[in-house]
Amino acid sequence: MGSQGTIITFFPWANAYQGKVGGGQVGVTTYIIPVGSVNFWKNRLTKFNITYNIAKRFGETYLEFSDPHGLQLELVERDEGEPNNWTHGDVTPEVAIKGFGGAILLSTNPEKTEETLLNVLGLKKVGEEDDLIRFKSHGDIGNVIDVKRTPIGRGQMGVGTVHHIAWRAKDNEDHLDWQQHVANSGYGVTAVRDRNYFNAVYFKEYGEILFEIATDPPGFTHDESYETMGTELKLPAQYEQYRDQLNRSLIPIEIRNVDN
């Protein structure tokens, strides 16, 4: 079951247009792998004919690659984060991805993005190297943010791009405090959106990156048990009337052991 710092959402848009990675977006999504597992991942990427590059920044080594749709991804070894206890094919807990490491943000106005991270969200600036500024927040995973110093022309949302990046609020009260804090800081923030498994608010910082702040509760066991999770389609109440139609139009999900 996913937990905070391990969950990524995809929009299953059929025949969607290709996006353009650029300013106002998450440029690269970083995942943490266990220390000592990088050779496993080099071999695995090679096995599946995925070209990767090796990059170094802030004293760490990254495996950079793209998924089939153009999403820019990277793996980095870190001690932080709980082990992933699942095994799938050749991917065992000793080498499995632990969760997000963070992201590289591409901004149309890096100084304004830095201001938001420091003065609104409370991250700390911990380093500068080449064209990057590094920030850290609390937590073991998903807490390292690198921002490109050079302003970048606006990207275009579509296939192969990231829509937004989410930050955590511990509960509904904390969430409302953050909503008010963001508004008081001069940003246009949305009303609270009920996402069934969490509440969310959204705002665009002045480098045009869309930020979400989401609550930890109620979580995925809100409407089903851990033991039965994923065995049936779950819908928000307002869409229950469309259940039959949605069931018929769902894209089949197939879990394959690609190592056999």
Protein backbone atom coordinates (compact mmCIF):
# COMPACT_ATOMS: atom_id res chain seq x y z
CA MET A 1 0.00 0.00 0.00
CA GLY A 2 1.33 3.42 -0.90
CA SER A 3 2.21 5.93 1.78
CA GLN A 4 3.23 9.57 1.79
CA GLY A 5 6.25 10.06 -0.43
CA THR A 6 5.64 6.93 -2.52
CA ILE A 7 2.56 7.77 -4.60
CA ILE A 8 2.45 9.12 -8.14
CA THR A 9 -0.78 9.68 -10.08
CA PHE A 10 -1.19 9.29 -13.83
CA PHE A 11 -3.97 10.62 -16.06
CA PRO A 12 -5.04 7.82 -18.45
CA TRP A 13 -5.78 10.09 -21.39
CA ALA A 14 -6.20 8.17 -24.62
CA ASN A 15 -4.72 9.87 -27.70
CA ALA A 16 -3.45 12.81 -25.64
CA TYR A 17 -0.98 15.21 -27.20
CA GLN A 18 2.71 15.18 -26.30
CA GLY A 19 3.64 17.81 -23.76
CA LYS A 20 6.75 19.96 -23.64
CA VAL A 21 8.99 19.90 -20.57
CA GLY A 22 9.82 23.46 -19.58
CA GLY A 23 9.37 26.29 -17.12
CA GLY A 24 6.52 26.05 -14.63
CA GLN A 25 6.96 22.30 -14.22
CA VAL A 26 8.67 19.55 -12.31
CA GLY A 27 11.47 18.77 -14.74
CA VAL A 28 12.81 15.56 -13.18
CA THR A 29 11.31 13.17 -10.63
CA THR A 30 13.87 11.56 -8.30
CA TYR A 31 13.46 8.15 -6.66
CA ILE A 32 15.50 6.74 -3.75
CA ILE A 33 17.07 3.30 -4.03
CA PRO A 34 18.95 1.46 -1.25
CA VAL A 35 22.65 2.10 -0.84
CA GLY A 36 24.56 -0.56 -2.78
CA SER A 37 21.81 -1.20 -5.35
CA VAL A 38 22.91 1.10 -8.17
CA ASN A 39 24.62 -1.67 -10.17
CA PHE A 40 21.44 -3.73 -10.04
CA TRP A 41 19.54 -0.81 -11.56
CA LYS A 42 22.19 -0.15 -14.20
CA ASN A 43 21.91 -3.78 -15.28
CA ARG A 44 18.12 -3.73 -15.15
CA LEU A 45 17.82 -0.62 -17.28
CA THR A 46 20.23 -2.15 -19.78
CA LYS A 47 18.27 -5.43 -19.75
CA PHE A 48 15.15 -3.57 -20.88
CA ASN A 49 17.00 -1.44 -23.43
CA ILE A 50 16.53 1.77 -21.48
CA THR A 51 19.34 4.21 -22.11
CA TYR A 52 20.61 5.99 -19.01
CA ASN A 53 23.15 8.66 -18.16
CA ILE A 54 25.24 8.95 -15.02
CA ALA A 55 25.28 12.40 -13.43
CA LYS A 56 26.82 13.74 -10.25
CA ARG A 57 25.56 16.64 -8.18
CA PHE A 58 25.89 17.67 -4.55
CA GLY A 59 28.11 14.65 -3.88
CA GLU A 60 25.56 12.10 -5.12
CA THR A 61 25.44 9.89 -8.22
CA TYR A 62 22.25 9.76 -10.28
CA LEU A 63 21.02 7.38 -12.97
CA GLU A 64 19.05 9.56 -15.39
CA PHE A 65 16.58 8.12 -17.92
CA SER A 66 13.19 8.71 -19.50
CA ASP A 67 10.09 6.54 -19.49
CA PRO A 68 8.39 5.56 -22.79
CA HIS A 69 6.24 8.71 -22.71
CA GLY A 70 9.13 11.08 -22.03
CA LEU A 71 8.86 11.57 -18.27
CA GLN A 72 12.33 12.45 -17.00
CA LEU A 73 13.30 10.22 -14.07
CA GLU A 74 16.36 9.48 -11.98
CA LEU A 75 17.50 7.08 -9.26
CA VAL A 76 19.82 7.95 -6.38
CA GLU A 77 21.19 5.86 -3.52
CA ARG A 78 20.35 7.17 -0.03
CA ASP A 79 20.14 5.68 3.44
CA GLU A 80 16.94 7.55 4.20
CA GLY A 81 13.55 5.94 3.79
CA GLU A 82 11.96 2.71 4.93
CA PRO A 83 12.74 -0.41 2.89
CA ASN A 84 10.17 -1.49 0.34
CA ASN A 85 9.01 -4.91 1.57
CA TRP A 86 7.51 -6.03 -1.74
CA THR A 87 9.15 -8.43 -4.16
CA HIS A 88 8.26 -8.48 -7.85
CA GLY A 89 10.28 -10.59 -10.23
CA ASP A 90 13.96 -9.81 -9.69
CA VAL A 91 13.21 -6.66 -7.69
CA THR A 92 13.64 -7.60 -4.03
CA PRO A 93 13.48 -5.41 -0.90
CA GLU A 94 17.29 -5.14 -0.98
CA VAL A 95 17.16 -3.16 -4.24
CA ALA A 96 13.57 -1.91 -4.54
CA ILE A 97 12.74 1.77 -4.86
CA LYS A 98 11.88 3.23 -1.45
CA GLY A 99 9.95 6.29 -2.62
CA PHE A 100 10.53 9.77 -3.92
CA GLY A 101 13.85 11.44 -3.33
CA GLY A 102 12.56 14.78 -4.50
CA ALA A 103 12.55 16.67 -7.77
CA ILE A 104 14.25 19.18 -10.01
CA LEU A 105 11.99 22.19 -10.53
CA LEU A 106 12.09 24.23 -13.73
CA SER A 107 10.96 27.78 -13.10
CA THR A 108 10.15 30.75 -15.31
CA ASN A 109 11.30 32.92 -12.39
CA PRO A 110 13.76 31.01 -10.17
CA GLU A 111 14.17 33.87 -7.67
CA LYS A 112 10.43 33.88 -7.01
CA THR A 113 10.35 30.08 -6.73
CA GLU A 114 13.19 30.26 -4.21
CA GLU A 115 11.25 32.87 -2.26
CA THR A 116 8.21 30.58 -2.13
CA LEU A 117 10.20 27.56 -0.98
CA LEU A 118 12.03 29.51 1.74
CA ASN A 119 9.50 32.04 3.00
CA VAL A 120 6.18 30.32 2.42
CA LEU A 121 6.83 26.59 2.65
CA GLY A 122 9.75 26.82 5.09
CA LEU A 123 12.37 24.76 3.26
CA LYS A 124 16.05 25.41 3.96
CA LYS A 125 18.64 26.26 1.33
CA VAL A 126 21.45 23.74 1.81
CA GLY A 127 23.68 24.18 -1.23
CA GLU A 128 24.45 25.70 -4.61
CA GLU A 129 26.27 23.95 -7.44
CA ASP A 130 26.58 24.89 -11.11
CA ASP A 131 23.09 25.85 -12.29
CA LEU A 132 21.25 24.36 -9.30
CA ILE A 133 20.15 25.48 -5.84
CA ARG A 134 19.32 22.72 -3.35
CA PHE A 135 16.61 22.94 -0.70
CA LYS A 136 15.55 20.48 1.99
CA SER A 137 12.37 20.01 3.99
CA HIS A 138 11.54 17.77 6.92
CA GLY A 139 11.15 14.03 6.36
CA ASP A 140 13.17 11.05 5.21
CA ILE A 141 11.95 10.86 1.62
CA GLY A 142 10.67 13.32 -0.94
CA ASN A 143 12.42 16.13 0.91
CA VAL A 144 15.19 17.26 -1.48
CA ILE A 145 14.31 19.91 -4.06
CA ASP A 146 16.74 21.25 -6.64
CA VAL A 147 15.82 24.38 -8.58
CA LYS A 148 17.44 25.42 -11.85
CA ARG A 149 18.85 28.94 -11.45
CA THR A 150 18.34 29.80 -15.12
CA PRO A 151 14.83 30.97 -16.05
CA ILE A 152 13.28 28.54 -18.51
CA GLY A 153 10.62 29.20 -21.13
CA ARG A 154 7.18 27.86 -20.31
CA GLY A 155 6.49 24.20 -20.85
CA GLN A 156 3.26 22.78 -22.18
CA MET A 157 1.21 20.27 -20.23
CA GLY A 158 0.64 16.93 -21.93
CA VAL A 159 2.03 13.43 -22.17
CA GLY A 160 5.52 13.19 -20.68
CA THR A 161 5.17 16.13 -18.29
CA VAL A 162 4.36 16.49 -14.59
CA HIS A 163 1.17 18.36 -13.70
CA HIS A 164 2.01 19.36 -10.10
CA ILE A 165 4.03 18.51 -7.01
CA ALA A 166 2.37 17.83 -3.64
CA TRP A 167 3.34 18.78 -0.09
CA ARG A 168 2.01 17.21 3.11
CA ALA A 169 -0.27 18.55 5.83
CA LYS A 170 -0.60 16.35 8.90
CA ASP A 171 -4.38 16.75 9.36
CA ASN A 172 -7.36 18.90 8.36
CA GLU A 173 -6.62 21.61 10.92
CA ASP A 174 -3.02 21.88 9.76
CA HIS A 175 -4.28 21.92 6.18
CA LEU A 176 -6.56 24.91 6.79
CA ASP A 177 -3.69 26.72 8.51
CA TRP A 178 -1.55 26.19 5.40
CA GLN A 179 -4.35 27.37 3.13
CA GLN A 180 -4.64 30.59 5.14
CA HIS A 181 -0.86 31.02 5.32
CA VAL A 182 -0.54 30.71 1.54
CA ALA A 183 -3.37 33.20 1.00
CA ASN A 184 -1.87 35.64 3.52
CA SER A 185 1.43 35.37 1.63
CA GLY A 186 -0.23 36.81 -1.47
CA TYR A 187 -0.91 33.68 -3.53
CA GLY A 188 -4.20 32.68 -5.08
CA VAL A 189 -5.11 29.42 -3.37
CA THR A 190 -8.09 27.20 -4.18
CA ALA A 191 -10.88 26.11 -1.90
CA VAL A 192 -10.37 22.77 -0.18
CA ARG A 193 -11.01 19.92 -2.63
CA ASP A 194 -12.27 16.61 -1.24
CA ARG A 195 -10.28 13.86 -2.98
CA ASN A 196 -11.89 11.05 -0.95
CA TYR A 197 -8.56 9.81 0.44
CA PHE A 198 -7.22 13.27 1.26
CA ASN A 199 -8.16 16.93 1.09
CA ALA A 200 -6.19 19.22 -1.20
CA VAL A 201 -5.60 22.87 -2.01
CA TYR A 202 -3.64 24.18 -4.99
CA PHE A 203 -1.72 27.34 -5.80
CA LYS A 204 0.72 28.49 -8.46
CA GLU A 205 3.91 30.08 -7.25
CA TYR A 206 5.37 32.94 -9.28
CA GLY A 207 7.69 30.69 -11.26
CA GLU A 208 4.42 29.14 -12.55
CA ILE A 209 4.86 25.72 -10.90
CA LEU A 210 1.61 24.27 -9.56
CA PHE A 211 1.84 23.23 -5.90
CA GLU A 212 -0.63 21.05 -4.03
CA ILE A 213 -0.90 20.76 -0.25
CA ALA A 214 -2.66 17.53 0.73
CA THR A 215 -3.68 16.00 4.05
CA ASP A 216 -2.30 12.70 5.30
CA PRO A 217 -5.73 11.45 6.49
CA PRO A 218 -8.02 9.72 5.87
CA GLY A 219 -5.80 7.56 3.64
CA PHE A 220 -6.47 4.59 1.41
CA THR A 221 -8.16 2.49 4.11
CA HIS A 222 -10.91 5.11 4.26
CA ASP A 223 -13.31 2.94 2.25
CA GLU A 224 -11.75 -0.53 2.11
CA SER A 225 -9.53 -2.76 4.19
CA TYR A 226 -5.87 -3.43 3.54
CA GLU A 227 -6.73 -7.08 2.82
CA THR A 228 -9.30 -6.27 0.10
CA MET A 229 -7.62 -3.19 -1.32
CA GLY A 230 -7.51 -3.00 -5.11
CA THR A 231 -10.05 -5.75 -5.72
CA GLU A 232 -12.89 -3.48 -6.85
CA LEU A 233 -13.43 -0.06 -8.38
CA LYS A 234 -13.77 2.72 -5.82
CA LEU A 235 -15.58 5.91 -6.79
CA PRO A 236 -16.37 9.22 -5.12
CA ALA A 237 -20.04 9.46 -4.16
CA GLN A 238 -20.87 11.90 -6.98
CA TYR A 239 -19.76 9.36 -9.60
CA GLU A 240 -21.57 6.29 -8.23
CA GLN A 241 -24.40 6.83 -10.73
CA TYR A 242 -21.88 6.24 -13.52
CA ARG A 243 -20.38 3.04 -12.09
CA ASP A 244 -21.58 0.68 -14.84
CA GLN A 245 -20.47 3.04 -17.59
CA LEU A 246 -17.07 3.62 -15.98
CA ASN A 247 -16.52 -0.09 -15.40
CA ARG A 248 -17.09 -0.75 -19.09
CA SER A 249 -14.67 1.97 -20.17
CA LEU A 250 -11.80 1.14 -17.80
CA ILE A 251 -8.41 0.40 -19.31
CA PRO A 252 -7.47 -3.18 -18.31
CA ILE A 253 -4.63 -3.40 -15.80
CA GLU A 254 -2.21 -6.28 -16.24
CA ILE A 255 0.55 -7.02 -13.74
CA ARG A 256 3.26 -8.99 -15.49
CA ASN A 257 6.44 -10.56 -14.21
CA VAL A 258 8.71 -9.20 -16.92
CA ASP A 259 11.71 -11.13 -15.55
CA ASN A 260 10.31 -14.50 -16.66
